C-alpha atoms as a PDB file:
ATOM      1  CA  UNK A   1      15.716 -38.246   8.297  1.00  0.00           C
ATOM      2  CA  UNK A   2      16.180 -34.307   7.210  1.00  0.00           C
ATOM      3  CA  UNK A   3      18.027 -33.735   3.764  1.00  0.00           C
ATOM      4  CA  UNK A   4      20.152 -31.268   4.680  1.00  0.00           C
ATOM      5  CA  UNK A   5      20.389 -28.283   1.722  1.00  0.00           C
ATOM      6  CA  UNK A   6      21.115 -24.765   0.628  1.00  0.00           C
ATOM      7  CA  UNK A   7      18.715 -22.632  -0.446  1.00  0.00           C
ATOM      8  CA  UNK A   8      19.951 -19.846  -3.484  1.00  0.00           C
ATOM      9  CA  UNK A   9      17.421 -17.440  -3.984  1.00  0.00           C
ATOM     10  CA  UNK A  10      17.851 -16.360  -7.472  1.00  0.00           C
ATOM     11  CA  UNK A  11      15.832 -12.745  -8.211  1.00  0.00           C
ATOM     12  CA  UNK A  12      16.743 -12.307 -12.186  1.00  0.00           C
ATOM     13  CA  UNK A  13      17.125  -8.558 -12.579  1.00  0.00           C
ATOM     14  CA  UNK A  14      16.015  -8.740 -16.545  1.00  0.00           C
ATOM     15  CA  UNK A  15      14.044 -11.739 -17.409  1.00  0.00           C
ATOM     16  CA  UNK A  16      12.986 -14.714 -15.996  1.00  0.00           C
ATOM     17  CA  UNK A  17      10.839 -15.114 -12.707  1.00  0.00           C
ATOM     18  CA  UNK A  18      12.138 -15.467  -8.962  1.00  0.00           C
ATOM     19  CA  UNK A  19      13.015 -18.918  -7.501  1.00  0.00           C
ATOM     20  CA  UNK A  20      14.547 -20.745  -4.736  1.00  0.00           C
ATOM     21  CA  UNK A  21      16.902 -23.495  -5.381  1.00  0.00           C
ATOM     22  CA  UNK A  22      17.380 -26.201  -2.907  1.00  0.00           C
ATOM     23  CA  UNK A  23      20.706 -27.396  -3.237  1.00  0.00           C
ATOM     24  CA  UNK A  24      21.559 -30.662  -1.734  1.00  0.00           C
ATOM     25  CA  UNK A  25      25.045 -30.228   0.555  1.00  0.00           C
ATOM     26  CA  UNK A  26      26.356 -33.461  -0.279  1.00  0.00           C
ATOM     27  CA  UNK A  27      25.514 -33.863  -4.154  1.00  0.00           C
ATOM     28  CA  UNK A  28      25.643 -30.378  -4.496  1.00  0.00           C
ATOM     29  CA  UNK A  29      23.036 -30.723  -7.161  1.00  0.00           C
ATOM     30  CA  UNK A  30      19.228 -29.094  -7.248  1.00  0.00           C
ATOM     31  CA  UNK A  31      16.830 -31.042  -5.751  1.00  0.00           C
ATOM     32  CA  UNK A  32      14.269 -28.960  -5.909  1.00  0.00           C
ATOM     33  CA  UNK A  33      13.305 -25.465  -7.421  1.00  0.00           C
ATOM     34  CA  UNK A  34      10.431 -23.472  -6.219  1.00  0.00           C
ATOM     35  CA  UNK A  35       9.315 -20.350  -8.250  1.00  0.00           C
ATOM     36  CA  UNK A  36       8.056 -17.368  -5.681  1.00  0.00           C
ATOM     37  CA  UNK A  37       5.072 -15.767  -7.000  1.00  0.00           C
ATOM     38  CA  UNK A  38       5.074 -12.024  -7.455  1.00  0.00           C
ATOM     39  CA  UNK A  39       3.707  -9.408  -4.473  1.00  0.00           C
ATOM     40  CA  UNK A  40       5.727 -10.222  -1.586  1.00  0.00           C
ATOM     41  CA  UNK A  41       4.983  -6.490  -0.253  1.00  0.00           C
ATOM     42  CA  UNK A  42       1.696  -5.743  -1.773  1.00  0.00           C
ATOM     43  CA  UNK A  43      -0.739  -8.595  -2.356  1.00  0.00           C
ATOM     44  CA  UNK A  44      -3.489  -8.510  -0.181  1.00  0.00           C
ATOM     45  CA  UNK A  45      -3.229  -4.274  -0.350  1.00  0.00           C
ATOM     46  CA  UNK A  46      -7.017  -2.935  -1.203  1.00  0.00           C
ATOM     47  CA  UNK A  47      -7.018   0.948  -1.564  1.00  0.00           C
ATOM     48  CA  UNK A  48     -10.279   2.156   0.217  1.00  0.00           C
ATOM     49  CA  UNK A  49     -11.187   5.996   0.023  1.00  0.00           C
ATOM     50  CA  UNK A  50     -14.176   7.515   2.469  1.00  0.00           C
ATOM     51  CA  UNK A  51     -15.309  10.575   0.939  1.00  0.00           C
ATOM     52  CA  UNK A  52     -15.576  13.039   4.094  1.00  0.00           C
ATOM     53  CA  UNK A  53     -18.179  16.127   3.555  1.00  0.00           C
ATOM     54  CA  UNK A  54     -16.671  19.656   4.463  1.00  0.00           C
ATOM     55  CA  UNK A  55     -19.791  21.690   3.358  1.00  0.00           C
ATOM     56  CA  UNK A  56     -22.945  21.270   1.346  1.00  0.00           C
ATOM     57  CA  UNK A  57     -24.553  23.674  -1.128  1.00  0.00           C
ATOM     58  CA  UNK A  58     -27.327  23.848  -4.107  1.00  0.00           C
ATOM     59  CA  UNK A  59     -27.303  24.144  -7.508  1.00  0.00           C
ATOM     60  CA  UNK A  60     -30.151  25.038  -9.863  1.00  0.00           C
ATOM     61  CA  UNK A  61     -29.521  22.430 -13.243  1.00  0.00           C
ATOM     62  CA  UNK A  62     -31.075  22.559 -16.881  1.00  0.00           C
ATOM     63  CA  UNK A  63     -30.190  19.651 -19.127  1.00  0.00           C
ATOM     64  CA  UNK A  64     -31.342  16.933 -21.058  1.00  0.00           C
ATOM     65  CA  UNK A  65     -31.257  14.007 -20.212  1.00  0.00           C
ATOM     66  CA  UNK A  66     -33.820  14.008 -16.796  1.00  0.00           C
ATOM     67  CA  UNK A  67     -31.334  14.557 -13.997  1.00  0.00           C
ATOM     68  CA  UNK A  68     -31.066  11.798 -11.373  1.00  0.00           C
ATOM     69  CA  UNK A  69     -27.739  11.453  -9.158  1.00  0.00           C
ATOM     70  CA  UNK A  70     -26.230   9.285 -11.249  1.00  0.00           C
ATOM     71  CA  UNK A  71     -26.173  11.808 -14.774  1.00  0.00           C
ATOM     72  CA  UNK A  72     -26.779  15.320 -13.369  1.00  0.00           C
ATOM     73  CA  UNK A  73     -23.616  17.582 -14.686  1.00  0.00           C
ATOM     74  CA  UNK A  74     -23.140  20.043 -12.209  1.00  0.00           C
ATOM     75  CA  UNK A  75     -21.324  23.122 -12.521  1.00  0.00           C
ATOM     76  CA  UNK A  76     -19.519  23.491  -8.992  1.00  0.00           C
ATOM     77  CA  UNK A  77     -16.579  20.734 -10.945  1.00  0.00           C
ATOM     78  CA  UNK A  78     -15.730  23.104 -13.270  1.00  0.00           C
ATOM     79  CA  UNK A  79     -14.934  25.902 -10.531  1.00  0.00           C
ATOM     80  CA  UNK A  80     -11.309  26.677  -9.548  1.00  0.00           C
ATOM     81  CA  UNK A  81     -10.892  24.058  -6.755  1.00  0.00           C
ATOM     82  CA  UNK A  82      -7.862  24.989  -4.846  1.00  0.00           C
ATOM     83  CA  UNK A  83      -8.491  22.419  -1.884  1.00  0.00           C
ATOM     84  CA  UNK A  84      -9.431  19.330  -4.467  1.00  0.00           C
ATOM     85  CA  UNK A  85     -12.926  18.648  -3.325  1.00  0.00           C
ATOM     86  CA  UNK A  86     -14.992  15.813  -4.794  1.00  0.00           C
ATOM     87  CA  UNK A  87     -18.694  16.905  -5.326  1.00  0.00           C
ATOM     88  CA  UNK A  88     -20.967  14.268  -4.483  1.00  0.00           C
ATOM     89  CA  UNK A  89     -24.987  14.411  -5.591  1.00  0.00           C
ATOM     90  CA  UNK A  90     -26.580  13.573  -2.732  1.00  0.00           C
ATOM     91  CA  UNK A  91     -29.941  14.507  -3.917  1.00  0.00           C
ATOM     92  CA  UNK A  92     -31.943  16.050  -6.927  1.00  0.00           C
ATOM     93  CA  UNK A  93     -35.449  17.688  -5.984  1.00  0.00           C
ATOM     94  CA  UNK A  94     -38.202  19.518  -8.081  1.00  0.00           C
ATOM     95  CA  UNK A  95     -37.582  18.010 -11.509  1.00  0.00           C
ATOM     96  CA  UNK A  96     -39.648  19.534 -13.648  1.00  0.00           C
ATOM     97  CA  UNK A  97     -39.544  19.554 -17.612  1.00  0.00           C
ATOM     98  CA  UNK A  98     -38.820  22.662 -19.368  1.00  0.00           C
ATOM     99  CA  UNK A  99     -41.314  23.168 -22.623  1.00  0.00           C
ATOM    100  CA  UNK A 100     -39.759  26.069 -23.997  1.00  0.00           C
ATOM    101  CA  UNK A 101     -36.662  23.985 -25.334  1.00  0.00           C
ATOM    102  CA  UNK A 102     -37.112  20.721 -26.618  1.00  0.00           C
ATOM    103  CA  UNK A 103     -37.112  18.038 -23.801  1.00  0.00           C
ATOM    104  CA  UNK A 104     -35.039  20.191 -21.202  1.00  0.00           C
ATOM    105  CA  UNK A 105     -35.315  19.361 -17.453  1.00  0.00           C
ATOM    106  CA  UNK A 106     -34.956  21.914 -14.542  1.00  0.00           C
ATOM    107  CA  UNK A 107     -34.295  20.519 -10.991  1.00  0.00           C
ATOM    108  CA  UNK A 108     -32.248  21.623  -7.649  1.00  0.00           C
ATOM    109  CA  UNK A 109     -29.554  19.524  -7.069  1.00  0.00           C
ATOM    110  CA  UNK A 110     -28.208  18.886  -3.189  1.00  0.00           C
ATOM    111  CA  UNK A 111     -24.504  18.592  -3.454  1.00  0.00           C
ATOM    112  CA  UNK A 112     -21.825  17.458  -0.671  1.00  0.00           C
ATOM    113  CA  UNK A 113     -18.029  19.136  -1.224  1.00  0.00           C
ATOM    114  CA  UNK A 114     -16.185  16.598   0.018  1.00  0.00           C
ATOM    115  CA  UNK A 115     -12.533  15.660   1.289  1.00  0.00           C
ATOM    116  CA  UNK A 116     -10.867  12.532  -0.157  1.00  0.00           C
ATOM    117  CA  UNK A 117      -9.426   9.780   2.775  1.00  0.00           C
ATOM    118  CA  UNK A 118      -7.217   7.416   1.139  1.00  0.00           C
ATOM    119  CA  UNK A 119      -5.772   4.803   3.035  1.00  0.00           C
ATOM    120  CA  UNK A 120      -4.594   0.953   2.363  1.00  0.00           C
ATOM    121  CA  UNK A 121      -6.586  -1.816   4.366  1.00  0.00           C
ATOM    122  CA  UNK A 122      -5.122  -5.280   4.211  1.00  0.00           C
ATOM    123  CA  UNK A 123      -8.158  -8.099   2.486  1.00  0.00           C
ATOM    124  CA  UNK A 124      -7.040 -11.704   2.752  1.00  0.00           C
ATOM    125  CA  UNK A 125      -9.352 -13.008  -0.074  1.00  0.00           C
ATOM    126  CA  UNK A 126      -6.680 -10.847  -2.403  1.00  0.00           C
ATOM    127  CA  UNK A 127      -3.963 -12.212  -1.025  1.00  0.00           C
ATOM    128  CA  UNK A 128      -2.620 -14.005  -4.384  1.00  0.00           C
ATOM    129  CA  UNK A 129       1.239 -14.313  -2.573  1.00  0.00           C
ATOM    130  CA  UNK A 130       0.075 -16.267   0.625  1.00  0.00           C
ATOM    131  CA  UNK A 131      -2.333 -18.813  -1.253  1.00  0.00           C
ATOM    132  CA  UNK A 132       0.013 -19.567  -3.944  1.00  0.00           C
ATOM    133  CA  UNK A 133       2.846 -19.881  -1.283  1.00  0.00           C
ATOM    134  CA  UNK A 134       0.725 -22.178   0.232  1.00  0.00           C
ATOM    135  CA  UNK A 135      -0.208 -24.049  -2.494  1.00  0.00           C
ATOM    136  CA  UNK A 136       3.600 -25.141  -2.690  1.00  0.00           C
ATOM    137  CA  UNK A 137       3.542 -26.159   0.416  1.00  0.00           C
ATOM    138  CA  UNK A 138       4.736 -23.780   2.416  1.00  0.00           C
ATOM    139  CA  UNK A 139       3.309 -22.622   5.860  1.00  0.00           C
ATOM    140  CA  UNK A 140       2.424 -19.700   5.274  1.00  0.00           C
ATOM    141  CA  UNK A 141       0.867 -19.329   9.266  1.00  0.00           C
ATOM    142  CA  UNK A 142       0.992 -15.621  10.885  1.00  0.00           C
ATOM    143  CA  UNK A 143       2.690 -14.346   7.403  1.00  0.00           C
ATOM    144  CA  UNK A 144      -0.017 -11.761   5.884  1.00  0.00           C
ATOM    145  CA  UNK A 145       0.478  -8.520   4.506  1.00  0.00           C
ATOM    146  CA  UNK A 146       0.942  -6.679   8.017  1.00  0.00           C
ATOM    147  CA  UNK A 147       3.882  -9.298   9.261  1.00  0.00           C
ATOM    148  CA  UNK A 148       5.371  -9.339   5.645  1.00  0.00           C
ATOM    149  CA  UNK A 149       6.081  -5.740   5.398  1.00  0.00           C
ATOM    150  CA  UNK A 150       7.929  -5.978   8.879  1.00  0.00           C
ATOM    151  CA  UNK A 151      10.260  -8.559   7.463  1.00  0.00           C
ATOM    152  CA  UNK A 152      12.871  -8.464   5.209  1.00  0.00           C
ATOM    153  CA  UNK A 153      12.340 -11.238   1.820  1.00  0.00           C
ATOM    154  CA  UNK A 154      15.446 -12.230   3.271  1.00  0.00           C
ATOM    155  CA  UNK A 155      14.445 -13.409   6.449  1.00  0.00           C
ATOM    156  CA  UNK A 156      11.309 -14.445   5.611  1.00  0.00           C
ATOM    157  CA  UNK A 157      12.537 -17.173   2.894  1.00  0.00           C
ATOM    158  CA  UNK A 158      14.866 -18.497   5.345  1.00  0.00           C
ATOM    159  CA  UNK A 159      11.668 -18.692   7.656  1.00  0.00           C
ATOM    160  CA  UNK A 160       9.483 -20.767   5.693  1.00  0.00           C
ATOM    161  CA  UNK A 161      11.939 -22.708   3.917  1.00  0.00           C
ATOM    162  CA  UNK A 162      13.111 -24.142   7.079  1.00  0.00           C
ATOM    163  CA  UNK A 163      10.114 -26.173   7.818  1.00  0.00           C
ATOM    164  CA  UNK A 164       9.768 -27.011   4.234  1.00  0.00           C
ATOM    165  CA  UNK A 165       9.161 -30.421   3.275  1.00  0.00           C
ATOM    166  CA  UNK A 166      11.882 -33.095   4.921  1.00  0.00           C
ATOM    167  CA  UNK A 167      14.500 -30.694   3.896  1.00  0.00           C
ATOM    168  CA  UNK A 168      17.128 -29.516   6.484  1.00  0.00           C
ATOM    169  CA  UNK A 169      17.914 -25.853   5.568  1.00  0.00           C
ATOM    170  CA  UNK A 170      21.954 -25.106   6.499  1.00  0.00           C
ATOM    171  CA  UNK A 171      21.883 -21.043   4.588  1.00  0.00           C
ATOM    172  CA  UNK A 172      20.176 -19.348   2.275  1.00  0.00           C
ATOM    173  CA  UNK A 173      21.750 -17.291  -0.151  1.00  0.00           C
ATOM    174  CA  UNK A 174      20.236 -14.581  -2.624  1.00  0.00           C
ATOM    175  CA  UNK A 175      21.771 -13.562  -6.499  1.00  0.00           C
ATOM    176  CA  UNK A 176      20.525 -11.742  -8.248  1.00  0.00           C
END
């Protein structure tokens, strides 16, 4: 037989963790308290940045150590950049040692000026909120981030606690 409970979601403003207290409708005592992890609206979101080439150019460099794609120092990144392009070295060619000045190397560097395209993607392996809530025994089927973003926290808690263990949820109240 299911026990009637009233769930009270308490989200302290200054200190403490948010939790749901399940209160027996018959006795008025707290039957169980369930900590709610952080990250309801953000857990699992991963920022993805793609570089889209806008134009390419070449540059001559003179540097030490020997230039490679990883360590070449280009001067384009120091010029005025009103479009906020990101400069990406694609190739270093014609590397030769300049024996006139200590060990210094000259090279031709091929560079793409790129525009950043940044967006957010959902990665279920990084959704710690979903994982922790499932570990607490709550049914988190169909509660990935894209569904949580469309649902208020109150409605979400009402939904998942309505089928929690052997309790019958009468109402969910919020405090804090």
